[in-house]
N, C-alpha and C. Protein backbone atom coordinates (compact mmCIF):
# COMPACT_ATOMS: atom_id res chain seq x y z
N MET A 1 -195.43 -0.99 51.13
CA MET A 1 -194.46 -1.31 50.45
C MET A 1 -194.01 -2.65 50.89
N LYS A 2 -193.61 -3.62 49.71
CA LYS A 2 -193.39 -4.95 50.07
C LYS A 2 -191.90 -5.18 50.21
N ALA A 3 -191.56 -5.97 51.41
CA ALA A 3 -190.28 -6.40 51.75
C ALA A 3 -189.66 -7.31 50.81
N THR A 4 -188.35 -7.02 50.57
CA THR A 4 -187.77 -7.86 49.47
C THR A 4 -187.22 -9.20 50.20
N THR A 5 -187.60 -10.23 49.54
CA THR A 5 -187.23 -11.62 49.96
C THR A 5 -186.23 -12.09 48.92
N PHE A 6 -184.72 -12.44 49.66
CA PHE A 6 -183.93 -13.04 48.72
C PHE A 6 -184.04 -14.36 48.62
N LYS A 7 -183.74 -15.03 47.38
CA LYS A 7 -183.81 -16.32 47.09
C LYS A 7 -182.51 -16.83 47.08
N THR A 8 -182.13 -17.96 47.95
CA THR A 8 -180.86 -18.51 48.13
C THR A 8 -180.80 -19.92 48.12
N ILE A 9 -179.65 -20.42 47.43
CA ILE A 9 -179.64 -22.01 47.55
C ILE A 9 -178.33 -22.09 48.40
N VAL A 10 -178.25 -22.87 49.48
CA VAL A 10 -176.96 -22.97 50.26
C VAL A 10 -176.69 -24.50 50.06
N ILE A 11 -175.39 -24.73 49.71
CA ILE A 11 -174.85 -26.18 49.64
C ILE A 11 -173.79 -26.32 50.46
N THR A 12 -173.94 -27.34 51.54
CA THR A 12 -173.03 -27.65 52.35
C THR A 12 -172.43 -29.04 51.99
N VAL A 13 -170.95 -29.20 52.19
CA VAL A 13 -170.25 -30.29 51.99
C VAL A 13 -169.68 -30.61 53.17
N SER A 14 -169.79 -32.00 53.67
CA SER A 14 -169.28 -32.28 54.83
C SER A 14 -167.88 -32.90 54.57
N PRO A 15 -166.97 -33.12 55.75
CA PRO A 15 -165.65 -33.66 55.45
C PRO A 15 -165.57 -34.92 54.63
N GLN A 16 -166.88 -35.67 54.96
CA GLN A 16 -167.02 -37.02 54.39
C GLN A 16 -167.37 -36.91 52.94
N GLY A 17 -167.71 -35.85 52.34
CA GLY A 17 -168.09 -35.64 51.07
C GLY A 17 -169.53 -35.59 50.80
N GLU A 18 -170.42 -35.64 51.76
CA GLU A 18 -171.73 -35.60 51.64
C GLU A 18 -172.27 -34.23 51.51
N THR A 19 -173.37 -34.09 50.88
CA THR A 19 -173.77 -32.83 50.48
C THR A 19 -175.16 -32.48 50.96
N HIS A 20 -175.49 -31.23 51.40
CA HIS A 20 -176.68 -30.92 51.81
C HIS A 20 -177.20 -29.56 51.14
N LEU A 21 -178.31 -29.66 50.46
CA LEU A 21 -178.82 -28.66 49.74
C LEU A 21 -179.98 -28.01 50.42
N GLU A 22 -180.03 -26.50 50.62
CA GLU A 22 -181.28 -25.93 51.28
C GLU A 22 -181.52 -24.87 50.56
N THR A 23 -182.79 -24.64 50.03
CA THR A 23 -183.40 -23.52 49.38
C THR A 23 -183.96 -22.57 50.60
N LYS A 24 -183.93 -21.16 50.25
CA LYS A 24 -184.41 -20.27 51.15
C LYS A 24 -185.24 -19.20 50.36
N GLY A 25 -186.38 -18.76 50.68
CA GLY A 25 -187.16 -17.79 50.10
C GLY A 25 -187.83 -18.07 48.78
N PHE A 26 -187.89 -19.37 48.53
CA PHE A 26 -188.69 -19.86 47.34
C PHE A 26 -190.08 -20.19 47.88
N ALA A 27 -191.17 -19.90 47.02
CA ALA A 27 -192.37 -20.50 47.25
C ALA A 27 -192.98 -21.75 46.67
N GLY A 28 -193.52 -22.74 47.44
CA GLY A 28 -193.86 -23.85 46.89
C GLY A 28 -192.91 -24.69 46.15
N ALA A 29 -193.33 -25.17 44.99
CA ALA A 29 -192.43 -26.07 44.16
C ALA A 29 -191.47 -25.38 43.49
N GLU A 30 -191.33 -24.01 43.55
CA GLU A 30 -190.44 -22.94 42.81
C GLU A 30 -189.02 -23.60 43.32
N CYS A 31 -188.83 -23.97 44.56
CA CYS A 31 -187.67 -24.47 45.02
C CYS A 31 -187.12 -25.56 44.41
N ARG A 32 -187.81 -26.43 43.90
CA ARG A 32 -187.52 -27.64 43.21
C ARG A 32 -187.00 -27.47 41.83
N ARG A 33 -187.67 -26.31 41.10
CA ARG A 33 -187.22 -26.00 39.78
C ARG A 33 -186.01 -25.25 39.92
N ALA A 34 -185.87 -24.47 40.91
CA ALA A 34 -184.53 -23.55 41.15
C ALA A 34 -183.14 -24.47 41.35
N SER A 35 -183.52 -25.58 42.07
CA SER A 35 -182.33 -26.34 42.48
C SER A 35 -182.07 -27.79 41.79
N GLN A 36 -182.96 -27.83 40.76
CA GLN A 36 -183.14 -29.13 39.87
C GLN A 36 -181.60 -29.39 39.10
N PHE A 37 -181.03 -28.32 38.76
CA PHE A 37 -179.74 -28.37 37.98
C PHE A 37 -178.56 -28.88 39.00
N LEU A 38 -178.65 -28.55 40.51
CA LEU A 38 -177.70 -28.75 41.48
C LEU A 38 -177.94 -30.15 41.83
N GLU A 39 -179.27 -30.58 42.00
CA GLU A 39 -179.39 -32.01 42.20
C GLU A 39 -179.03 -32.98 41.19
N THR A 40 -179.11 -32.51 39.88
CA THR A 40 -178.64 -33.45 38.88
C THR A 40 -177.22 -33.52 38.82
N ALA A 41 -176.54 -32.50 39.19
CA ALA A 41 -174.99 -32.44 39.13
C ALA A 41 -174.51 -33.20 40.41
N LEU A 42 -175.13 -33.07 41.59
CA LEU A 42 -174.72 -33.83 42.63
C LEU A 42 -175.19 -35.17 42.78
N GLY A 43 -176.03 -35.68 42.18
CA GLY A 43 -176.41 -37.16 42.21
C GLY A 43 -177.89 -37.36 42.71
N ALA A 44 -178.19 -38.53 43.06
CA ALA A 44 -179.39 -38.80 43.74
C ALA A 44 -179.61 -38.31 45.03
N ALA A 45 -180.59 -37.88 45.43
CA ALA A 45 -180.93 -37.53 46.92
C ALA A 45 -181.19 -38.58 47.60
N SER A 46 -180.66 -38.71 48.77
CA SER A 46 -181.00 -39.60 49.78
C SER A 46 -182.13 -39.52 50.68
N GLN A 47 -182.49 -38.28 50.81
CA GLN A 47 -183.66 -37.83 51.50
C GLN A 47 -184.13 -36.28 51.16
N GLU A 48 -185.36 -35.98 51.43
CA GLU A 48 -185.87 -34.70 51.07
C GLU A 48 -186.59 -34.32 52.28
N GLN A 49 -186.52 -33.17 52.81
CA GLN A 49 -187.40 -32.64 53.89
C GLN A 49 -187.93 -31.16 53.44
N LEU A 50 -189.19 -31.27 53.21
CA LEU A 50 -189.87 -29.97 52.88
C LEU A 50 -190.05 -28.98 53.88
N THR A 51 -189.81 -27.92 53.79
CA THR A 51 -190.04 -26.70 54.82
C THR A 51 -191.35 -26.25 54.82
N ALA A 52 -191.63 -25.36 55.77
CA ALA A 52 -192.91 -24.67 55.93
C ALA A 52 -193.28 -23.85 54.81
N GLU A 53 -192.29 -23.18 54.21
CA GLU A 53 -192.44 -22.33 53.22
C GLU A 53 -193.00 -22.94 51.94
N PHE A 54 -192.52 -24.15 51.71
CA PHE A 54 -193.05 -25.14 50.63
C PHE A 54 -194.55 -25.46 50.85
N HIS A 55 -194.98 -25.78 52.11
CA HIS A 55 -196.28 -26.10 52.34
C HIS A 55 -197.19 -24.84 52.48
N GLN A 56 -196.53 -23.60 52.79
CA GLN A 56 -197.75 -22.61 53.12
C GLN A 56 -197.86 -22.10 51.69
N ALA A 57 -196.87 -22.06 50.85
CA ALA A 57 -197.30 -21.58 49.54
C ALA A 57 -198.30 -22.58 48.72
N THR A 58 -198.04 -23.80 48.89
CA THR A 58 -198.93 -24.81 48.39
C THR A 58 -200.22 -24.56 48.85
N SER A 59 -200.51 -24.30 50.27
CA SER A 59 -201.77 -24.25 50.63
C SER A 59 -202.40 -22.83 50.06
N ALA A 60 -201.71 -21.87 49.98
CA ALA A 60 -202.13 -20.40 49.54
C ALA A 60 -202.54 -20.70 48.00
N THR A 61 -201.81 -21.36 47.39
CA THR A 61 -202.16 -21.66 45.87
C THR A 61 -203.60 -22.42 45.68
N GLU A 62 -203.69 -23.45 46.50
CA GLU A 62 -204.80 -24.24 46.54
C GLU A 62 -206.12 -23.44 47.06
N ALA A 63 -205.98 -22.48 48.09
CA ALA A 63 -206.94 -21.80 48.36
C ALA A 63 -207.44 -20.77 47.21
N GLN A 64 -206.51 -20.21 46.59
CA GLN A 64 -206.78 -19.33 45.29
C GLN A 64 -207.54 -20.14 44.28
N LEU A 65 -207.01 -21.30 44.00
CA LEU A 65 -207.92 -22.10 42.97
C LEU A 65 -209.10 -22.51 43.41
N ARG A 66 -209.47 -22.57 44.71
CA ARG A 66 -210.91 -23.01 45.19
C ARG A 66 -211.55 -21.80 45.01
N GLN A 67 -211.18 -20.48 45.28
CA GLN A 67 -211.97 -19.41 45.10
C GLN A 67 -212.39 -19.08 43.53
N ILE A 68 -211.41 -19.50 42.83
CA ILE A 68 -211.79 -19.42 41.29
C ILE A 68 -212.88 -20.23 40.90
N SER A 69 -212.85 -21.38 41.30
CA SER A 69 -213.88 -22.56 41.04
C SER A 69 -215.33 -22.13 41.36
């Protein structure tokens, strides 16, 4: 039986009005697609920090592609 992973987008707004957007439970670039509308609404990003989930999913996808080739 597969465990259920919830996909969540957390938005934090500081007292100074700075926003921080964090995605959880998304695989690879799926997080960027899911949060695109929020990034557009909040304005230009000052920085981006990719999580281990992003890189693990990317590595798994690359490995699958190599097996097909």
